[in-house]
Each structure stands twice: as C-alpha cells, then as structure tokens.
C-alpha atoms as a PDB file:
ATOM      1  CA  MET A   1     158.498  98.856  61.205  1.00  0.00           C
ATOM      2  CA  GLN A   2     155.365  98.270  63.299  1.00  0.00           C
ATOM      3  CA  THR A   3     154.680 101.087  65.761  1.00  0.00           C
ATOM      4  CA  PRO A   4     153.550 100.401  69.379  1.00  0.00           C
ATOM      5  CA  TYR A   5     150.250 102.149  68.631  1.00  0.00           C
ATOM      6  CA  LEU A   6     149.548  99.891  65.629  1.00  0.00           C
ATOM      7  CA  SER A   7     150.485  96.832  67.666  1.00  0.00           C
ATOM      8  CA  ARG A   8     148.048  97.769  70.456  1.00  0.00           C
ATOM      9  CA  TRP A   9     145.336  98.474  67.893  1.00  0.00           C
ATOM     10  CA  ARG A  10     145.728  95.018  66.370  1.00  0.00           C
ATOM     11  CA  GLN A  11     145.607  93.407  69.809  1.00  0.00           C
ATOM     12  CA  ASN A  12     142.445  95.276  70.789  1.00  0.00           C
ATOM     13  CA  PHE A  13     140.680  94.917  67.442  1.00  0.00           C
ATOM     14  CA  PRO A  14     138.954  91.574  68.290  1.00  0.00           C
ATOM     15  CA  PHE A  15     137.537  93.081  71.485  1.00  0.00           C
ATOM     16  CA  THR A  16     136.331  96.129  69.545  1.00  0.00           C
ATOM     17  CA  VAL A  17     134.459  93.876  67.132  1.00  0.00           C
ATOM     18  CA  PHE A  18     132.661  92.200  70.037  1.00  0.00           C
ATOM     19  CA  ILE A  19     131.470  95.474  71.598  1.00  0.00           C
ATOM     20  CA  LEU A  20     130.561  97.057  68.249  1.00  0.00           C
ATOM     21  CA  PRO A  21     126.948  95.680  68.142  1.00  0.00           C
ATOM     22  CA  ALA A  22     126.285  96.989  71.658  1.00  0.00           C
ATOM     23  CA  LEU A  23     127.833 100.327  70.716  1.00  0.00           C
ATOM     24  CA  ILE A  24     125.596 100.608  67.645  1.00  0.00           C
ATOM     25  CA  VAL A  25     122.460  99.802  69.656  1.00  0.00           C
ATOM     26  CA  TYR A  26     123.472 102.292  72.359  1.00  0.00           C
ATOM     27  CA  SER A  27     124.121 104.990  69.769  1.00  0.00           C
ATOM     28  CA  VAL A  28     120.761 104.454  68.069  1.00  0.00           C
ATOM     29  CA  ALA A  29     118.787 104.190  71.312  1.00  0.00           C
ATOM     30  CA  VAL A  30     120.560 106.842  73.408  1.00  0.00           C
ATOM     31  CA  VAL A  31     123.097 109.046  71.614  1.00  0.00           C
ATOM     32  CA  LEU A  32     121.032 109.935  68.536  1.00  0.00           C
ATOM     33  CA  PRO A  33     117.857 110.745  70.536  1.00  0.00           C
ATOM     34  CA  LEU A  34     119.972 112.905  72.852  1.00  0.00           C
ATOM     35  CA  ILE A  35     121.348 114.848  69.880  1.00  0.00           C
ATOM     36  CA  GLN A  36     117.832 115.202  68.451  1.00  0.00           C
ATOM     37  CA  THR A  37     116.537 116.406  71.820  1.00  0.00           C
ATOM     38  CA  PHE A  38     119.293 119.022  71.960  1.00  0.00           C
ATOM     39  CA  ARG A  39     118.311 120.212  68.476  1.00  0.00           C
ATOM     40  CA  TYR A  40     114.607 120.406  69.293  1.00  0.00           C
ATOM     41  CA  SER A  41     115.349 122.394  72.454  1.00  0.00           C
ATOM     42  CA  PHE A  42     116.123 125.432  70.289  1.00  0.00           C
ATOM     43  CA  THR A  43     112.824 125.229  68.381  1.00  0.00           C
ATOM     44  CA  ASN A  44     109.075 125.598  68.950  1.00  0.00           C
ATOM     45  CA  TYR A  45     108.392 122.066  67.680  1.00  0.00           C
ATOM     46  CA  ASP A  46     105.045 120.760  68.962  1.00  0.00           C
ATOM     47  CA  GLY A  47     105.404 117.115  67.937  1.00  0.00           C
ATOM     48  CA  LEU A  48     102.663 117.343  65.310  1.00  0.00           C
ATOM     49  CA  ASN A  49     103.493 120.036  62.764  1.00  0.00           C
ATOM     50  CA  PRO A  50     106.557 119.066  60.694  1.00  0.00           C
ATOM     51  CA  GLU A  51     107.310 122.774  60.254  1.00  0.00           C
ATOM     52  CA  TYR A  52     108.815 124.585  63.227  1.00  0.00           C
ATOM     53  CA  ASP A  53     110.900 127.689  63.894  1.00  0.00           C
ATOM     54  CA  PHE A  54     114.219 128.293  65.598  1.00  0.00           C
ATOM     55  CA  VAL A  55     113.630 130.197  68.884  1.00  0.00           C
ATOM     56  CA  GLY A  56     117.166 130.247  70.276  1.00  0.00           C
ATOM     57  CA  LEU A  57     117.438 130.055  74.061  1.00  0.00           C
ATOM     58  CA  GLU A  58     113.772 130.900  74.683  1.00  0.00           C
ATOM     59  CA  ASN A  59     112.900 127.385  75.897  1.00  0.00           C
ATOM     60  CA  TYR A  60     115.830 127.422  78.315  1.00  0.00           C
ATOM     61  CA  ARG A  61     114.776 130.839  79.616  1.00  0.00           C
ATOM     62  CA  LYS A  62     111.242 129.579  80.248  1.00  0.00           C
ATOM     63  CA  THR A  63     112.567 126.474  81.985  1.00  0.00           C
ATOM     64  CA  LEU A  64     114.796 128.447  84.339  1.00  0.00           C
ATOM     65  CA  SER A  65     112.303 131.243  85.062  1.00  0.00           C
ATOM     66  CA  SER A  66     108.967 129.408  85.422  1.00  0.00           C
ATOM     67  CA  GLU A  67     108.061 128.582  89.030  1.00  0.00           C
ATOM     68  CA  GLN A  68     105.776 125.827  87.749  1.00  0.00           C
ATOM     69  CA  LEU A  69     108.784 124.141  86.117  1.00  0.00           C
ATOM     70  CA  ILE A  70     111.298 124.884  88.888  1.00  0.00           C
ATOM     71  CA  GLU A  71     109.198 123.295  91.666  1.00  0.00           C
ATOM     72  CA  PRO A  72     109.343 119.728  90.247  1.00  0.00           C
ATOM     73  CA  PHE A  73     113.092 120.134  89.764  1.00  0.00           C
ATOM     74  CA  ILE A  74     113.673 121.174  93.388  1.00  0.00           C
ATOM     75  CA  ARG A  75     111.373 118.389  94.584  1.00  0.00           C
ATOM     76  CA  THR A  76     113.287 115.847  92.493  1.00  0.00           C
ATOM     77  CA  ILE A  77     116.655 116.986  93.871  1.00  0.00           C
ATOM     78  CA  GLY A  78     115.318 116.625  97.418  1.00  0.00           C
ATOM     79  CA  PHE A  79     113.916 113.194  96.567  1.00  0.00           C
ATOM     80  CA  SER A  80     117.285 112.097  95.130  1.00  0.00           C
ATOM     81  CA  LEU A  81     119.039 113.122  98.356  1.00  0.00           C
ATOM     82  CA  VAL A  82     116.608 111.604 100.859  1.00  0.00           C
ATOM     83  CA  VAL A  83     116.083 108.218  99.164  1.00  0.00           C
ATOM     84  CA  PRO A  84     119.806 107.247  98.848  1.00  0.00           C
ATOM     85  CA  LEU A  85     120.443 108.397 102.420  1.00  0.00           C
ATOM     86  CA  LEU A  86     117.586 106.362 103.913  1.00  0.00           C
ATOM     87  CA  VAL A  87     118.251 103.275 101.781  1.00  0.00           C
ATOM     88  CA  THR A  88     121.937 103.293 102.766  1.00  0.00           C
ATOM     89  CA  VAL A  89     121.133 103.809 106.454  1.00  0.00           C
ATOM     90  CA  PHE A  90     118.822 100.769 106.451  1.00  0.00           C
ATOM     91  CA  ALA A  91     120.614  98.565 103.876  1.00  0.00           C
ATOM     92  CA  ILE A  92     123.992  98.366 105.636  1.00  0.00           C
ATOM     93  CA  PRO A  93     122.628  97.178 109.020  1.00  0.00           C
ATOM     94  CA  LEU A  94     120.296  94.793 107.203  1.00  0.00           C
ATOM     95  CA  SER A  95     123.221  93.308 105.271  1.00  0.00           C
ATOM     96  CA  LEU A  96     125.074  92.758 108.553  1.00  0.00           C
ATOM     97  CA  VAL A  97     122.072  90.898 109.951  1.00  0.00           C
ATOM     98  CA  LEU A  98     121.611  88.812 106.801  1.00  0.00           C
ATOM     99  CA  ASN A  99     125.306  87.928 106.892  1.00  0.00           C
ATOM    100  CA  GLY A 100     124.760  86.055 110.147  1.00  0.00           C
ATOM    101  CA  ARG A 101     124.792  82.277 110.387  1.00  0.00           C
ATOM    102  CA  PHE A 102     121.181  81.292 111.117  1.00  0.00           C
ATOM    103  CA  LYS A 103     119.051  78.545 109.615  1.00  0.00           C
ATOM    104  CA  THR A 104     116.558  80.721 107.732  1.00  0.00           C
ATOM    105  CA  ARG A 105     119.107  83.183 106.328  1.00  0.00           C
ATOM    106  CA  ASN A 106     118.455  82.216 102.680  1.00  0.00           C
ATOM    107  CA  PHE A 107     114.709  82.652 103.142  1.00  0.00           C
ATOM    108  CA  GLN A 108     115.263  86.019 104.862  1.00  0.00           C
ATOM    109  CA  ARG A 109     117.550  87.200 102.067  1.00  0.00           C
ATOM    110  CA  ALA A 110     115.016  86.219  99.407  1.00  0.00           C
ATOM    111  CA  SER A 111     112.182  87.888 101.338  1.00  0.00           C
ATOM    112  CA  PHE A 112     113.964  91.231 101.583  1.00  0.00           C
ATOM    113  CA  PHE A 113     115.158  91.059  97.967  1.00  0.00           C
ATOM    114  CA  PHE A 114     111.708  90.173  96.577  1.00  0.00           C
ATOM    115  CA  PRO A 115     110.196  93.732  96.443  1.00  0.00           C
ATOM    116  CA  ALA A 116     113.023  94.860  94.145  1.00  0.00           C
ATOM    117  CA  ILE A 117     112.005  92.448  91.371  1.00  0.00           C
ATOM    118  CA  LEU A 118     108.364  93.541  91.233  1.00  0.00           C
ATOM    119  CA  SER A 119     107.155  96.057  88.682  1.00  0.00           C
ATOM    120  CA  ALA A 120     107.167  99.626  90.003  1.00  0.00           C
ATOM    121  CA  LEU A 121     103.653 100.104  88.621  1.00  0.00           C
ATOM    122  CA  PHE A 122     102.467  96.997  90.460  1.00  0.00           C
ATOM    123  CA  LEU A 123     104.034  98.262  93.687  1.00  0.00           C
ATOM    124  CA  GLY A 124     102.536 101.707  93.164  1.00  0.00           C
ATOM    125  CA  TYR A 125      98.997 100.463  92.596  1.00  0.00           C
ATOM    126  CA  SER A 126      99.292  97.994  95.490  1.00  0.00           C
ATOM    127  CA  TRP A 127     100.405 100.691  97.904  1.00  0.00           C
ATOM    128  CA  THR A 128      97.713 103.029  96.583  1.00  0.00           C
ATOM    129  CA  PHE A 129      95.169 100.458  97.764  1.00  0.00           C
ATOM    130  CA  ILE A 130      96.961  99.989 101.108  1.00  0.00           C
ATOM    131  CA  LEU A 131      97.200 103.757 101.742  1.00  0.00           C
ATOM    132  CA  SER A 132      93.832 104.722 100.280  1.00  0.00           C
ATOM    133  CA  SER A 133      91.985 107.365 102.317  1.00  0.00           C
ATOM    134  CA  SER A 134      88.683 105.575 101.741  1.00  0.00           C
ATOM    135  CA  LYS A 135      87.257 102.958 104.094  1.00  0.00           C
ATOM    136  CA  TYR A 136      88.667 100.278 101.763  1.00  0.00           C
ATOM    137  CA  GLY A 137      92.264 101.308 102.414  1.00  0.00           C
ATOM    138  CA  MET A 138      94.093  98.727 104.536  1.00  0.00           C
ATOM    139  CA  ILE A 139      95.779 101.263 106.825  1.00  0.00           C
ATOM    140  CA  ASN A 140      92.564 103.180 107.436  1.00  0.00           C
ATOM    141  CA  ALA A 141      90.661  99.957 108.027  1.00  0.00           C
ATOM    142  CA  LEU A 142      93.168  99.026 110.746  1.00  0.00           C
ATOM    143  CA  LEU A 143      92.963 102.501 112.272  1.00  0.00           C
ATOM    144  CA  GLU A 144      89.176 102.272 112.462  1.00  0.00           C
ATOM    145  CA  GLN A 145      89.436  98.836 114.079  1.00  0.00           C
ATOM    146  CA  PHE A 146      91.470 100.404 116.892  1.00  0.00           C
ATOM    147  CA  GLY A 147      89.096 103.349 117.262  1.00  0.00           C
ATOM    148  CA  PHE A 148      91.095 105.995 115.371  1.00  0.00           C
ATOM    149  CA  ASP A 149      89.754 108.338 112.690  1.00  0.00           C
ATOM    150  CA  ARG A 150      90.540 107.720 109.040  1.00  0.00           C
ATOM    151  CA  GLN A 151      93.555 109.638 107.700  1.00  0.00           C
ATOM    152  CA  LEU A 152      93.944 111.319 104.318  1.00  0.00           C
ATOM    153  CA  LEU A 153      97.407 109.784 103.685  1.00  0.00           C
ATOM    154  CA  LEU A 154      97.947 110.032  99.891  1.00  0.00           C
ATOM    155  CA  ALA A 155      95.272 112.735  99.708  1.00  0.00           C
ATOM    156  CA  ASP A 156      97.310 114.917 102.072  1.00  0.00           C
ATOM    157  CA  SER A 157      99.598 117.203 100.051  1.00  0.00           C
ATOM    158  CA  ASP A 158     102.089 117.462 102.944  1.00  0.00           C
ATOM    159  CA  LEU A 159     102.248 113.709 103.520  1.00  0.00           C
ATOM    160  CA  ALA A 160     101.941 112.186 100.037  1.00  0.00           C
ATOM    161  CA  MET A 161     105.549 112.817  98.969  1.00  0.00           C
ATOM    162  CA  TRP A 162     106.904 111.262 102.152  1.00  0.00           C
ATOM    163  CA  LEU A 163     104.749 108.185 101.629  1.00  0.00           C
ATOM    164  CA  ILE A 164     106.183 107.809  98.124  1.00  0.00           C
ATOM    165  CA  VAL A 165     109.679 108.063  99.631  1.00  0.00           C
ATOM    166  CA  LEU A 166     108.713 105.384 102.163  1.00  0.00           C
ATOM    167  CA  VAL A 167     107.551 102.980  99.443  1.00  0.00           C
ATOM    168  CA  VAL A 168     110.649 103.568  97.297  1.00  0.00           C
ATOM    169  CA  VAL A 169     112.946 102.989 100.279  1.00  0.00           C
ATOM    170  CA  TRP A 170     111.027  99.843 101.261  1.00  0.00           C
ATOM    171  CA  SER A 171     111.322  98.455  97.730  1.00  0.00           C
ATOM    172  CA  GLN A 172     115.052  99.206  97.375  1.00  0.00           C
ATOM    173  CA  VAL A 173     116.528  98.359 100.777  1.00  0.00           C
ATOM    174  CA  GLY A 174     116.614  94.600 100.165  1.00  0.00           C
ATOM    175  CA  TRP A 175     118.313  94.895  96.765  1.00  0.00           C
ATOM    176  CA  HIS A 176     121.037  97.205  98.051  1.00  0.00           C
ATOM    177  CA  ALA A 177     121.464  95.099 101.197  1.00  0.00           C
ATOM    178  CA  ALA A 178     122.232  92.193  98.845  1.00  0.00           C
ATOM    179  CA  LEU A 179     124.881  94.375  97.182  1.00  0.00           C
ATOM    180  CA  TYR A 180     126.511  95.101 100.533  1.00  0.00           C
ATOM    181  CA  LEU A 181     126.131  91.454 101.551  1.00  0.00           C
ATOM    182  CA  ALA A 182     128.195  90.365  98.542  1.00  0.00           C
ATOM    183  CA  ASN A 183     131.017  92.636  99.698  1.00  0.00           C
ATOM    184  CA  LEU A 184     130.750  91.485 103.304  1.00  0.00           C
ATOM    185  CA  GLN A 185     131.373  87.913 102.230  1.00  0.00           C
ATOM    186  CA  THR A 186     134.695  88.883 100.626  1.00  0.00           C
ATOM    187  CA  ILE A 187     136.181  90.190 103.892  1.00  0.00           C
ATOM    188  CA  ASP A 188     138.930  87.936 105.227  1.00  0.00           C
ATOM    189  CA  PRO A 189     137.772  86.440 108.601  1.00  0.00           C
ATOM    190  CA  ALA A 190     141.373  86.683 109.784  1.00  0.00           C
ATOM    191  CA  LEU A 191     140.927  90.457 110.059  1.00  0.00           C
ATOM    192  CA  PHE A 192     138.123  90.034 112.591  1.00  0.00           C
ATOM    193  CA  GLU A 193     140.099  87.384 114.470  1.00  0.00           C
ATOM    194  CA  ALA A 194     143.036  89.769 114.766  1.00  0.00           C
ATOM    195  CA  ALA A 195     140.689  92.540 115.942  1.00  0.00           C
ATOM    196  CA  ASP A 196     139.263  90.229 118.626  1.00  0.00           C
ATOM    197  CA  ILE A 197     142.769  89.393 119.845  1.00  0.00           C
ATOM    198  CA  ASP A 198     143.545  93.116 120.083  1.00  0.00           C
ATOM    199  CA  GLY A 199     140.370  93.623 122.127  1.00  0.00           C
ATOM    200  CA  ALA A 200     138.478  95.708 119.552  1.00  0.00           C
ATOM    201  CA  SER A 201     134.830  96.491 120.299  1.00  0.00           C
ATOM    202  CA  GLY A 202     132.007  95.688 117.890  1.00  0.00           C
ATOM    203  CA  PHE A 203     131.830  99.325 116.784  1.00  0.00           C
ATOM    204  CA  GLN A 204     135.596  99.439 116.178  1.00  0.00           C
ATOM    205  CA  ARG A 205     135.397  96.267 114.086  1.00  0.00           C
ATOM    206  CA  PHE A 206     132.648  97.873 112.012  1.00  0.00           C
ATOM    207  CA  ARG A 207     134.397 101.258 111.736  1.00  0.00           C
ATOM    208  CA  PHE A 208     137.892 100.056 110.831  1.00  0.00           C
ATOM    209  CA  ILE A 209     137.266  96.732 109.046  1.00  0.00           C
ATOM    210  CA  THR A 210     133.703  96.385 107.752  1.00  0.00           C
ATOM    211  CA  LEU A 211     132.973  99.933 106.614  1.00  0.00           C
ATOM    212  CA  PRO A 212     136.198 100.421 104.569  1.00  0.00           C
ATOM    213  CA  HIS A 213     135.523  97.118 102.785  1.00  0.00           C
ATOM    214  CA  LEU A 214     131.981  98.269 101.999  1.00  0.00           C
ATOM    215  CA  ALA A 215     133.197 101.514 100.393  1.00  0.00           C
ATOM    216  CA  PRO A 216     133.273 100.167  96.782  1.00  0.00           C
ATOM    217  CA  ALA A 217     129.757  98.740  97.166  1.00  0.00           C
ATOM    218  CA  MET A 218     128.587 102.022  98.685  1.00  0.00           C
ATOM    219  CA  THR A 219     129.919 103.988  95.712  1.00  0.00           C
ATOM    220  CA  VAL A 220     127.975 101.802  93.282  1.00  0.00           C
ATOM    221  CA  SER A 221     124.869 101.656  95.477  1.00  0.00           C
ATOM    222  CA  VAL A 222     124.622 105.412  96.028  1.00  0.00           C
ATOM    223  CA  ALA A 223     125.265 106.129  92.323  1.00  0.00           C
ATOM    224  CA  LEU A 224     122.463 103.760  91.287  1.00  0.00           C
ATOM    225  CA  LEU A 225     120.119 105.237  93.887  1.00  0.00           C
ATOM    226  CA  ILE A 226     120.823 108.831  92.874  1.00  0.00           C
ATOM    227  CA  ILE A 227     120.358 108.121  89.163  1.00  0.00           C
ATOM    228  CA  GLY A 228     117.215 106.072  89.814  1.00  0.00           C
ATOM    229  CA  SER A 229     115.760 108.725  92.120  1.00  0.00           C
ATOM    230  CA  LEU A 230     116.444 111.550  89.684  1.00  0.00           C
ATOM    231  CA  LYS A 231     114.690 109.806  86.797  1.00  0.00           C
ATOM    232  CA  VAL A 232     111.934 108.028  88.781  1.00  0.00           C
ATOM    233  CA  PHE A 233     108.567 108.184  87.059  1.00  0.00           C
ATOM    234  CA  ASP A 234     106.409 105.060  87.204  1.00  0.00           C
ATOM    235  CA  LEU A 235     105.931 104.516  90.946  1.00  0.00           C
ATOM    236  CA  PRO A 236     104.935 108.124  91.854  1.00  0.00           C
ATOM    237  CA  LEU A 237     102.691 108.185  88.793  1.00  0.00           C
ATOM    238  CA  ALA A 238     100.915 105.007  89.905  1.00  0.00           C
ATOM    239  CA  MET A 239     100.529 106.167  93.505  1.00  0.00           C
ATOM    240  CA  THR A 240      99.404 109.790  93.108  1.00  0.00           C
ATOM    241  CA  ASP A 241      99.598 110.803  89.417  1.00  0.00           C
ATOM    242  CA  GLY A 242     101.257 114.010  90.616  1.00  0.00           C
ATOM    243  CA  GLY A 243      98.555 114.845  93.138  1.00  0.00           C
ATOM    244  CA  PRO A 244      97.054 116.011  95.330  1.00  0.00           C
ATOM    245  CA  GLY A 245      97.269 119.186  93.301  1.00  0.00           C
ATOM    246  CA  ARG A 246     100.834 119.266  91.944  1.00  0.00           C
ATOM    247  CA  SER A 247     102.500 118.313  95.226  1.00  0.00           C
ATOM    248  CA  THR A 248     104.147 115.085  94.015  1.00  0.00           C
ATOM    249  CA  ILE A 249     105.023 115.945  90.414  1.00  0.00           C
ATOM    250  CA  LEU A 250     108.685 115.103  89.804  1.00  0.00           C
ATOM    251  CA  MET A 251     110.893 116.230  86.945  1.00  0.00           C
ATOM    252  CA  THR A 252     110.308 113.301  84.605  1.00  0.00           C
ATOM    253  CA  GLN A 253     106.537 113.622  84.886  1.00  0.00           C
ATOM    254  CA  SER A 254     106.770 117.381  84.371  1.00  0.00           C
ATOM    255  CA  ILE A 255     108.772 116.824  81.172  1.00  0.00           C
ATOM    256  CA  ILE A 256     106.179 114.377  79.868  1.00  0.00           C
ATOM    257  CA  ILE A 257     103.325 116.752  80.742  1.00  0.00           C
ATOM    258  CA  GLN A 258     104.989 119.566  78.828  1.00  0.00           C
ATOM    259  CA  GLY A 259     105.999 117.375  75.892  1.00  0.00           C
ATOM    260  CA  LEU A 260     103.014 115.088  75.339  1.00  0.00           C
ATOM    261  CA  SER A 261     100.037 116.584  77.175  1.00  0.00           C
ATOM    262  CA  SER A 262     100.796 120.210  76.266  1.00  0.00           C
ATOM    263  CA  SER A 263     102.370 119.503  72.842  1.00  0.00           C
ATOM    264  CA  ARG A 264     105.432 121.604  73.612  1.00  0.00           C
ATOM    265  CA  ILE A 265     108.193 119.275  72.509  1.00  0.00           C
ATOM    266  CA  GLY A 266     110.705 122.110  72.198  1.00  0.00           C
ATOM    267  CA  LEU A 267     110.204 123.193  75.812  1.00  0.00           C
ATOM    268  CA  ALA A 268     110.218 119.592  77.052  1.00  0.00           C
ATOM    269  CA  SER A 269     113.448 118.983  75.121  1.00  0.00           C
ATOM    270  CA  ALA A 270     115.118 121.943  76.819  1.00  0.00           C
ATOM    271  CA  MET A 271     113.969 120.630  80.198  1.00  0.00           C
ATOM    272  CA  SER A 272     115.235 117.142  79.323  1.00  0.00           C
ATOM    273  CA  PHE A 273     118.654 118.344  78.209  1.00  0.00           C
ATOM    274  CA  LEU A 274     119.157 120.527  81.277  1.00  0.00           C
ATOM    275  CA  PHE A 275     118.055 117.631  83.470  1.00  0.00           C
ATOM    276  CA  PHE A 276     120.489 115.324  81.679  1.00  0.00           C
ATOM    277  CA  LEU A 277     123.333 117.733  82.466  1.00  0.00           C
ATOM    278  CA  VAL A 278     122.268 117.896  86.116  1.00  0.00           C
ATOM    279  CA  ILE A 279     122.214 114.086  86.395  1.00  0.00           C
ATOM    280  CA  ALA A 280     125.626 113.827  84.706  1.00  0.00           C
ATOM    281  CA  VAL A 281     127.213 116.447  86.999  1.00  0.00           C
ATOM    282  CA  ILE A 282     125.723 115.022  90.208  1.00  0.00           C
ATOM    283  CA  THR A 283     126.666 111.443  89.320  1.00  0.00           C
ATOM    284  CA  PHE A 284     130.208 112.402  88.290  1.00  0.00           C
ATOM    285  CA  ALA A 285     130.716 114.398  91.506  1.00  0.00           C
ATOM    286  CA  GLN A 286     129.338 111.594  93.684  1.00  0.00           C
ATOM    287  CA  VAL A 287     131.437 108.847  92.075  1.00  0.00           C
ATOM    288  CA  THR A 288     134.583 111.013  92.119  1.00  0.00           C
ATOM    289  CA  LEU A 289     134.236 111.986  95.787  1.00  0.00           C
ATOM    290  CA  MET A 290     133.366 108.487  96.984  1.00  0.00           C
ATOM    291  CA  SER A 291     136.158 106.932  94.892  1.00  0.00           C
ATOM    292  CA  ARG A 292     138.645 109.279  96.562  1.00  0.00           C
ATOM    293  CA  HIS A 293     137.284 108.169  99.933  1.00  0.00           C
ATOM    294  CA  GLU A 294     137.869 104.546  98.879  1.00  0.00           C
ATOM    295  CA  ASP A 295     141.497 105.338  98.022  1.00  0.00           C
ATOM    296  CA  GLU A 296     142.012 107.046 101.396  1.00  0.00           C
ATOM    297  CA  ASN A 297     140.780 103.941 103.172  1.00  0.00           C
END
C-alpha cells in the first residue's frame, strides 16, 4: 500500500529535479566555501603555505579583543541601521508621488530608478570626482564661485562616512521606491473611495490603508537594505579606500585587508564566519518582527 509520504514524494519529485541544478551551483559557490572558511578559522593558514597548524579559538579571540578589528564592525552595524532607515523614509513618500497621474510619470520613474542600475564602482568614482577637496571637485568649484572656501569633504574623517551614506541612499531610494510603487498599484481604489465617504483625512488614509498594504514590501525592502549595507564593499572602496586614516573602513574591507593584504587567511576566516552569523541573526530577527507586524495589520 502506498503511504501518504511516498505519494507526496512522487508528486514533488519533478519539481525537485528542476531545482537540483540551482541547488548544486549554490552548494558549490556558497555552502562549500562557507564550510571551508569555518575550517580555516581554526588554523593559522596564510593562503600561501600549504602546511598550517590548528590554533583552536585563537583567531576568534583576536577578532573579539582587537580594537582595530572591532571598530569596522561597529561602524558597519551603524551603517546598516542608518542606510535602511533613510532609504525607507525617502522611498515611501517618493513612491506616493510617482504613483500620481501626471504626464511625465514614466520618465520620472525611470530617472529615479536609473542610479540603481549603475555599477557601484562607477558611482563611487563619479562621486569621488564630485566631492573632491581639490579645485577640480564639482562641489568645491561651486562653493568658490559663490565666494565660499573649499571644504575637505571626503578628506574630512568626521564627514567622509556620512557622505558615503548619502551616496548609498541616493543610489538606492529610486529602486526601493519602485518596490513600494508596485505594492501601491495593487491597492483597491474602492478602499480610498470608502475612506473619502467617511471623511478620512489624507494622513488617516495613509495610516490605515496605504501603510498596512506597504508592509510586505517594507519587509522585503528593509531586509535587502540591511543585508546590502552589512556586506557593502565596492562603493566605499571606490570613494575613500578606507580613508582618511581608517575612518571609513567597513567590515568587508577589513576582512579582505586581513586575508589578502596581511596574508592571515585564518584570522580573516574567523572574522568572516562571525560576520556571517551576525548577518543571519539580524536578518532573521528583522524578517520575523516585520512579518508579525504584517499579520497584526
């Protein structure tokens, strides 16, 4: 007699065959390197000598006790909190504007979405030129035209990180506004008509109709922003290369410095694995909390 389990397995087998190639590629490209990284994190492997020794938790102790390694981690956590917050604050109002019925709405949508499709390195080098502290920098050239002194901008250790945040937010707002816009267009107009009949204000319409319908998009948007902010590398590298000093070094760049530049693959592996756990925990907590909020609404 055929059991229910065997019956379900036979029904799902064709679907399993279809996803098997993707699963194999994912395992080779992600799972196996992660396992190898975990193994190296307990060794003094330098990436060159095929012979290395087991050092136990020494690499993890160094990672958690070194101020030079902790600073990029704290800076990255702050970056991953500020960027999603600012992008969300600007993307939702922008999506409401782009959802309006005006003649140039398609052009406006494309214009705001365009920065998201450009290479992060291209954006970084372009903004480096715009924000350059030399007389050739576009911002400083404009300041001098209006009689102001040139500013250090990216050469200012207190300002450089905020300028990187500004560029990242500018490049991501349009893409995430498009995500919210897609959800806005699924809202039944009858809901707004009923709200108008009941005399609801614009804020009440947004609070009780629009915002709850945007909750699923917000969960996805914030998750993507947090993950992207935690593992960002190329744009800060192009804009400041970690400078001035070490004021803009983020976690991914710190891992690469330790692993490739300093030939301490074991230490970099420990940093990578700890960082992977942090990303997994933060993402799981964010998705869980925001999904519960969706259910409540």
